[in-house]
Amino acid sequence: MTTRSIYSPDERGDSVDEQAESEASTGHACPDCGGSLVTDDSRGETVCESCGLVVDEDEIDHGPEWRAFDSQERDNKRRVGAPTTEMKHDKGLSTNIGWQNKDAYGNSLSTRQREKMQRLRTWDERFRTRDHAERNLKQALGEIDRMGSALGVPESARETASVIYRRALDEGMLPGRSIEGMATAALYAAVRQANLPQTLDDMAVVSRVDEMEFTRAYRYLNRELSLQVGPPDPATYLSKFVSELDADDALERQARALIEAGKEANVHSGKSPVGLAAAAIYAAGLLLGEEMTQETVSEATDISTVTIRERYRELLEAEAELDDSAVDAASGAESGASA
């Protein structure tokens, strides 16, 4: 390591505090004045910001040896694959033979070569899964990706679902249970952890098993893996329902206020969060003078009109009690100030 200064000694500071000295001892600060160090990648130098001392030079460039001037050229010159992912049974580290029957020059293969490549693809697909556990994992992760794509679940939640299923496979929880049911349960657990608006009914639409089977599997996963899944928040479903009803933002804000009032009055305890969300939307429509019937909300939310009728009254009563308590508190404060 070589050190040289590009400033005169008069331009350097004389005082060095204890923190700078400790940082200098660990190599993260200037050994001369204790100032912070910056790296100049274009010159391969590490320089002190305060005194200009060159602490290190001729550093190794860890970047690519090629240059690119646009994104297309960068993609063509890049020689690495996609990042590892939990959504693949081999974490995306394996390769596969492409389906294009062309050679490196873009010319079509002959009939004999195409048959040979098809046999190679078949054997390549077989060798990608070594045992029954990997075949199980490959099928389950494919199901999670299929259902997540159909429901619009973000990739981060699908990654979480893949990790949950891997944990269940490692713990030996799969014997006696269907792969599709456990995959659906893992995806629903990830949705709950991420506070996404997908409901059990949404999962039942895209799943290959009935709702009773994957809800039983979900409870089993939640209990055995001790998943950190809290109770669903009714406000999570408001944006989805408002979008399906083609309502405005004012109705959504009013519905959120009703749900918050219901939480303070403990109305949500023991109630279906989806039903409370539907009732809050209907009650908000009444308060704002929107022409919205219970049947319309019921069709958009898949909640019965009986549930909406019972819950919206409870939410309106909770908000009225909250407003009365606020008025009483304000009156008490005014009387105390006047006294």
Protein backbone atom coordinates (compact mmCIF):
# COMPACT_ATOMS: atom_id res chain seq x y z
CA MET A 1 0.00 0.00 0.00
CA THR A 2 1.37 3.42 -0.98
CA THR A 3 0.39 6.78 0.46
CA ARG A 4 0.98 10.18 -1.05
CA SER A 5 -0.69 13.54 -0.53
CA ILE A 6 -2.02 15.87 -3.19
CA TYR A 7 -2.41 18.75 -0.71
CA SER A 8 0.13 20.67 1.32
CA PRO A 9 0.51 19.96 5.04
CA ASP A 10 -0.86 23.44 5.88
CA GLU A 11 -4.23 22.49 4.41
CA ARG A 12 -4.61 19.53 6.71
CA GLY A 13 -6.54 19.70 9.99
CA ASP A 14 -4.60 19.38 13.20
CA SER A 15 -7.39 18.12 15.53
CA VAL A 16 -8.51 14.49 15.46
CA ASP A 17 -11.33 13.37 17.75
CA GLU A 18 -11.58 9.96 19.44
CA GLN A 19 -14.16 8.64 17.00
CA ALA A 20 -11.95 9.42 14.02
CA GLU A 21 -9.01 7.72 15.72
CA SER A 22 -11.01 4.57 16.34
CA GLU A 23 -12.21 4.55 12.74
CA ALA A 24 -8.66 5.04 11.52
CA SER A 25 -7.54 2.04 13.53
CA THR A 26 -10.13 -0.14 11.75
CA GLY A 27 -9.10 1.07 8.29
CA HIS A 28 -12.30 3.05 7.55
CA ALA A 29 -10.76 6.48 8.14
CA CYS A 30 -7.74 8.44 6.99
CA PRO A 31 -4.59 7.35 8.88
CA ASP A 32 -3.29 10.94 8.80
CA CYS A 33 -6.22 13.17 9.82
CA GLY A 34 -8.99 10.69 10.66
CA GLY A 35 -11.30 11.94 7.90
CA SER A 36 -13.66 9.71 5.91
CA LEU A 37 -12.42 7.84 2.86
CA VAL A 38 -13.99 7.74 -0.60
CA THR A 39 -13.20 5.45 -3.52
CA ASP A 40 -12.66 6.82 -7.02
CA ASP A 41 -13.57 3.89 -9.27
CA SER A 42 -12.45 5.66 -12.45
CA ARG A 43 -8.87 6.05 -11.11
CA GLY A 44 -8.76 3.04 -8.81
CA GLU A 45 -7.84 5.17 -5.79
CA THR A 46 -9.06 5.58 -2.23
CA VAL A 47 -8.75 9.22 -1.12
CA CYS A 48 -9.40 11.10 2.11
CA GLU A 49 -12.18 13.67 1.74
CA SER A 50 -10.64 16.02 4.30
CA CYS A 51 -6.92 16.21 3.52
CA GLY A 52 -6.76 14.57 0.09
CA LEU A 53 -4.36 11.81 1.13
CA VAL A 54 -4.29 8.94 -1.39
CA VAL A 55 -4.53 5.92 0.92
CA ASP A 56 -4.61 3.25 -1.79
CA GLU A 57 -4.10 3.17 -5.55
CA ASP A 58 -4.07 0.71 -8.44
CA GLU A 59 -7.06 -1.11 -6.96
CA ILE A 60 -8.57 -4.09 -8.73
CA ASP A 61 -11.58 -3.29 -10.90
CA HIS A 62 -14.26 -5.88 -10.16
CA GLY A 63 -16.53 -4.69 -12.98
CA PRO A 64 -16.83 -6.18 -16.48
CA GLU A 65 -14.00 -5.81 -18.94
CA TRP A 66 -16.41 -4.72 -21.70
CA ARG A 67 -18.28 -1.47 -22.25
CA ALA A 68 -21.90 -0.98 -23.29
CA PHE A 69 -23.65 2.18 -24.42
CA ASP A 70 -27.30 1.08 -24.23
CA SER A 71 -29.39 -1.55 -22.44
CA GLN A 72 -29.62 -3.83 -25.47
CA GLU A 73 -25.86 -3.97 -25.91
CA ARG A 74 -25.46 -4.53 -22.16
CA ASP A 75 -27.85 -7.51 -22.26
CA ASN A 76 -26.06 -9.01 -25.26
CA LYS A 77 -22.62 -8.79 -23.62
CA ARG A 78 -23.69 -9.96 -20.18
CA ARG A 79 -22.51 -13.50 -19.45
CA VAL A 80 -24.29 -14.29 -16.20
CA GLY A 81 -27.70 -15.83 -15.64
CA ALA A 82 -30.71 -14.83 -13.63
CA PRO A 83 -30.39 -14.46 -9.83
CA THR A 84 -31.18 -17.42 -7.62
CA THR A 85 -34.79 -17.76 -6.57
CA GLU A 86 -36.72 -19.91 -4.13
CA MET A 87 -39.47 -20.32 -6.73
CA LYS A 88 -37.42 -22.94 -8.61
CA HIS A 89 -36.80 -26.38 -7.15
CA ASP A 90 -33.07 -26.01 -7.94
CA LYS A 91 -33.10 -22.27 -7.07
CA GLY A 92 -32.58 -21.42 -10.73
CA LEU A 93 -29.03 -22.77 -10.87
CA SER A 94 -29.63 -25.39 -13.56
CA THR A 95 -29.90 -24.87 -17.31
CA ASN A 96 -32.33 -26.19 -19.88
CA ILE A 97 -32.24 -26.77 -23.61
CA GLY A 98 -34.20 -24.16 -25.53
CA TRP A 99 -37.20 -25.07 -27.66
CA GLN A 100 -35.94 -23.28 -30.79
CA ASN A 101 -34.76 -25.86 -33.32
CA LYS A 102 -31.95 -23.64 -34.65
CA ASP A 103 -28.19 -23.69 -34.44
CA ALA A 104 -25.85 -20.94 -33.24
CA TYR A 105 -26.07 -19.19 -36.61
CA GLY A 106 -29.87 -19.14 -36.67
CA ASN A 107 -30.20 -21.90 -39.27
CA SER A 108 -32.94 -24.49 -38.90
CA LEU A 109 -31.92 -27.97 -37.83
CA SER A 110 -32.49 -31.00 -39.98
CA THR A 111 -35.16 -33.54 -39.14
CA ARG A 112 -32.62 -35.96 -37.66
CA GLN A 113 -31.06 -33.22 -35.52
CA ARG A 114 -34.46 -32.05 -34.29
CA GLU A 115 -35.31 -35.57 -33.15
CA LYS A 116 -31.98 -35.79 -31.37
CA MET A 117 -32.53 -32.45 -29.60
CA GLN A 118 -36.00 -33.56 -28.51
CA ARG A 119 -34.52 -36.70 -26.92
CA LEU A 120 -31.90 -34.56 -25.20
CA ARG A 121 -34.59 -32.22 -23.85
CA THR A 122 -36.47 -35.20 -22.45
CA TRP A 123 -33.42 -36.60 -20.67
CA ASP A 124 -32.40 -33.13 -19.49
CA GLU A 125 -35.83 -32.65 -17.93
CA ARG A 126 -35.58 -36.03 -16.20
CA PHE A 127 -32.12 -35.40 -14.79
CA ARG A 128 -33.13 -32.02 -13.33
CA THR A 129 -35.02 -33.86 -10.58
CA ARG A 130 -32.91 -36.49 -8.84
CA ASP A 131 -35.42 -38.00 -6.42
CA HIS A 132 -39.04 -37.97 -5.30
CA ALA A 133 -38.55 -34.96 -3.00
CA GLU A 134 -37.28 -32.79 -5.85
CA ARG A 135 -40.13 -33.90 -8.11
CA ASN A 136 -42.56 -33.04 -5.33
CA LEU A 137 -40.95 -29.63 -4.86
CA LYS A 138 -40.92 -28.90 -8.58
CA GLN A 139 -44.64 -29.63 -8.92
CA ALA A 140 -45.56 -27.65 -5.80
CA LEU A 141 -43.53 -24.56 -6.74
CA GLY A 142 -45.07 -24.68 -10.20
CA GLU A 143 -48.53 -24.66 -8.60
CA ILE A 144 -47.59 -21.72 -6.36
CA ASP A 145 -46.35 -19.75 -9.35
CA ARG A 146 -49.46 -20.58 -11.39
CA MET A 147 -51.91 -19.57 -8.67
CA GLY A 148 -49.91 -16.48 -7.73
CA SER A 149 -49.86 -15.29 -11.33
CA ALA A 150 -53.59 -15.86 -11.69
CA LEU A 151 -54.35 -13.88 -8.52
CA GLY A 152 -51.85 -11.09 -9.18
CA VAL A 153 -49.79 -11.95 -6.10
CA PRO A 154 -46.42 -10.11 -6.19
CA GLU A 155 -43.25 -12.10 -6.66
CA SER A 156 -42.04 -11.35 -3.14
CA ALA A 157 -45.08 -13.11 -1.65
CA ARG A 158 -44.61 -16.05 -4.01
CA GLU A 159 -41.01 -16.31 -2.82
CA THR A 160 -42.28 -16.41 0.77
CA ALA A 161 -44.78 -19.13 -0.14
CA SER A 162 -41.97 -21.17 -1.71
CA VAL A 163 -39.90 -20.86 1.47
CA ILE A 164 -42.88 -21.98 3.59
CA TYR A 165 -43.41 -25.03 1.40
CA ARG A 166 -39.69 -25.90 1.56
CA ARG A 167 -39.87 -25.74 5.36
CA ALA A 168 -42.86 -28.07 5.37
CA LEU A 169 -41.00 -30.49 3.08
CA ASP A 170 -37.88 -30.43 5.30
CA GLU A 171 -40.00 -31.03 8.43
CA GLY A 172 -41.64 -34.10 6.86
CA MET A 173 -45.14 -32.63 6.96
CA LEU A 174 -46.26 -33.69 3.47
CA PRO A 175 -46.96 -37.45 3.73
CA GLY A 176 -50.70 -38.08 3.66
CA ARG A 177 -51.51 -34.65 2.19
CA SER A 178 -51.92 -33.54 -1.41
CA ILE A 179 -49.26 -31.42 -3.05
CA GLU A 180 -51.87 -29.01 -4.43
CA GLY A 181 -53.50 -28.53 -1.03
CA MET A 182 -50.23 -27.78 0.77
CA ALA A 183 -49.10 -25.47 -2.05
CA THR A 184 -52.36 -23.52 -1.83
CA ALA A 185 -52.01 -23.33 1.96
CA ALA A 186 -48.44 -22.03 1.66
CA LEU A 187 -49.50 -19.35 -0.81
CA TYR A 188 -52.40 -18.24 1.40
CA ALA A 189 -50.08 -18.06 4.41
CA ALA A 190 -47.71 -15.83 2.43
CA VAL A 191 -50.63 -13.65 1.35
CA ARG A 192 -51.72 -13.27 4.97
CA GLN A 193 -48.20 -12.40 6.09
CA ALA A 194 -47.93 -9.71 3.40
CA ASN A 195 -51.41 -8.27 4.21
CA LEU A 196 -52.62 -8.74 0.64
CA PRO A 197 -56.34 -8.54 -0.26
CA GLN A 198 -56.72 -12.09 -1.63
CA THR A 199 -59.40 -14.02 0.27
CA LEU A 200 -60.14 -17.70 0.78
CA ASP A 201 -62.76 -17.50 -1.95
CA ASP A 202 -60.15 -16.13 -4.36
CA MET A 203 -57.82 -18.99 -3.49
CA ALA A 204 -60.62 -21.52 -4.04
CA VAL A 205 -61.18 -20.22 -7.59
CA VAL A 206 -57.60 -20.92 -8.74
CA SER A 207 -56.79 -23.95 -6.56
CA ARG A 208 -57.10 -27.52 -7.83
CA VAL A 209 -58.51 -28.69 -4.47
CA ASP A 210 -61.62 -27.69 -2.58
CA GLU A 211 -61.64 -24.98 0.07
CA MET A 212 -62.04 -27.34 3.00
CA GLU A 213 -58.88 -29.26 2.11
CA PHE A 214 -56.53 -26.31 1.78
CA THR A 215 -57.96 -24.47 4.80
CA ARG A 216 -57.26 -27.58 6.85
CA ALA A 217 -53.75 -27.67 5.40
CA TYR A 218 -53.31 -23.97 6.19
CA ARG A 219 -54.21 -24.48 9.84
CA TYR A 220 -51.78 -27.40 9.96
CA LEU A 221 -48.97 -25.31 8.48
CA ASN A 222 -49.69 -22.40 10.78
CA ARG A 223 -49.63 -24.61 13.85
CA GLU A 224 -46.61 -26.79 13.07
CA LEU A 225 -44.36 -24.08 11.61
CA SER A 226 -45.43 -21.38 14.11
CA LEU A 227 -45.99 -18.88 11.30
CA GLN A 228 -46.20 -15.22 12.30
CA VAL A 229 -49.66 -14.63 10.86
CA GLY A 230 -51.87 -12.09 12.60
CA PRO A 231 -55.62 -11.62 12.19
CA PRO A 232 -56.55 -10.08 8.83
CA ASP A 233 -57.30 -6.38 8.77
CA PRO A 234 -60.67 -5.47 7.20
CA ALA A 235 -59.11 -2.32 5.72
CA THR A 236 -56.87 -4.52 3.55
CA TYR A 237 -59.82 -5.47 1.34
CA LEU A 238 -61.22 -1.97 0.84
CA SER A 239 -59.09 -0.99 -2.17
CA LYS A 240 -59.99 -4.20 -3.98
CA PHE A 241 -63.74 -3.88 -3.33
CA VAL A 242 -63.82 -0.17 -4.17
CA SER A 243 -62.08 -0.91 -7.45
CA GLU A 244 -64.60 -3.63 -8.32
CA LEU A 245 -67.47 -1.24 -7.54
CA ASP A 246 -65.80 1.55 -9.58
CA ALA A 247 -66.29 3.96 -6.64
CA ASP A 248 -64.24 7.06 -5.86
CA ASP A 249 -61.52 7.65 -3.26
CA ALA A 250 -63.84 9.59 -0.97
CA LEU A 251 -65.91 6.46 -0.37
CA GLU A 252 -62.80 4.46 0.45
CA ARG A 253 -61.61 7.09 2.95
CA GLN A 254 -65.03 7.12 4.63
CA ALA A 255 -65.06 3.32 4.79
CA ARG A 256 -61.60 3.31 6.41
CA ALA A 257 -62.82 5.80 9.00
CA LEU A 258 -65.78 3.54 9.79
CA ILE A 259 -63.53 0.53 10.21
CA GLU A 260 -61.19 2.44 12.53
CA ALA A 261 -64.20 3.50 14.61
CA GLY A 262 -65.34 -0.12 14.69
CA LYS A 263 -61.93 -1.24 15.90
CA GLU A 264 -61.99 1.25 18.76
CA ALA A 265 -65.44 -0.03 19.73
CA ASN A 266 -64.21 -3.64 19.37
CA VAL A 267 -66.87 -4.37 16.77
CA HIS A 268 -64.44 -6.39 14.64
CA SER A 269 -63.81 -8.99 17.34
CA GLY A 270 -65.09 -12.36 16.15
CA LYS A 271 -66.40 -10.96 12.86
CA SER A 272 -65.36 -11.81 9.34
CA PRO A 273 -62.96 -9.11 8.08
CA VAL A 274 -64.30 -9.44 4.54
CA GLY A 275 -67.85 -8.95 5.78
CA LEU A 276 -66.83 -5.88 7.77
CA ALA A 277 -65.11 -4.41 4.71
CA ALA A 278 -68.21 -4.92 2.58
CA ALA A 279 -70.43 -3.42 5.29
CA ALA A 280 -68.10 -0.42 5.66
CA ILE A 281 -68.33 0.28 1.94
CA TYR A 282 -72.12 0.15 2.02
CA ALA A 283 -72.30 2.34 5.14
CA ALA A 284 -69.88 4.84 3.59
CA GLY A 285 -72.10 4.98 0.52
CA LEU A 286 -75.09 5.83 2.71
CA LEU A 287 -73.18 8.60 4.51
CA LEU A 288 -71.96 10.12 1.22
CA GLY A 289 -75.30 9.81 -0.57
CA GLU A 290 -74.04 7.25 -3.09
CA GLU A 291 -76.65 5.26 -5.01
CA MET A 292 -75.41 1.85 -3.94
CA THR A 293 -77.67 -1.02 -2.93
CA GLN A 294 -76.85 -3.95 -0.69
CA GLU A 295 -77.26 -6.30 -3.66
CA THR A 296 -74.63 -4.36 -5.63
CA VAL A 297 -72.12 -4.57 -2.80
CA SER A 298 -72.98 -8.22 -2.23
CA GLU A 299 -72.27 -9.15 -5.86
CA ALA A 300 -68.95 -7.29 -5.89
CA THR A 301 -67.70 -8.65 -2.56
CA ASP A 302 -69.35 -12.10 -2.55
CA ILE A 303 -70.83 -11.35 0.89
CA SER A 304 -74.49 -12.01 1.66
CA THR A 305 -76.88 -9.09 2.05
CA VAL A 306 -77.80 -10.37 5.53
CA THR A 307 -74.19 -9.99 6.72
CA ILE A 308 -73.91 -6.53 5.16
CA ARG A 309 -77.19 -5.44 6.78
CA GLU A 310 -76.10 -6.57 10.25
CA ARG A 311 -72.54 -5.28 10.12
CA TYR A 312 -73.13 -1.83 8.64
CA ARG A 313 -75.50 -0.93 11.47
CA GLU A 314 -72.87 -1.91 14.03
CA LEU A 315 -70.28 0.27 12.26
CA LEU A 316 -72.61 3.28 12.13
CA GLU A 317 -73.42 2.88 15.82
CA ALA A 318 -69.72 2.64 16.68
CA GLU A 319 -68.97 5.84 14.76
CA ALA A 320 -71.89 7.63 16.43
CA GLU A 321 -70.63 6.60 19.87
CA LEU A 322 -67.14 7.78 18.96
CA ASP A 323 -68.47 11.15 17.80
CA ASP A 324 -70.53 11.54 21.00
CA SER A 325 -67.51 10.78 23.17
CA ALA A 326 -65.45 13.30 21.20
CA VAL A 327 -68.16 15.94 21.66
CA ASP A 328 -68.35 15.21 25.40
CA ALA A 329 -64.56 15.47 25.72
CA ALA A 330 -64.54 18.76 23.85
CA SER A 331 -67.37 20.11 26.00
CA GLY A 332 -65.53 19.11 29.15
CA ALA A 333 -62.38 20.82 27.95
CA GLU A 334 -64.30 24.01 27.16
CA SER A 335 -66.00 24.06 30.54
CA GLY A 336 -62.71 23.48 32.30
CA ALA A 337 -61.11 26.34 30.37
CA SER A 338 -63.96 28.72 31.18
CA ALA A 339 -63.75 27.84 34.87
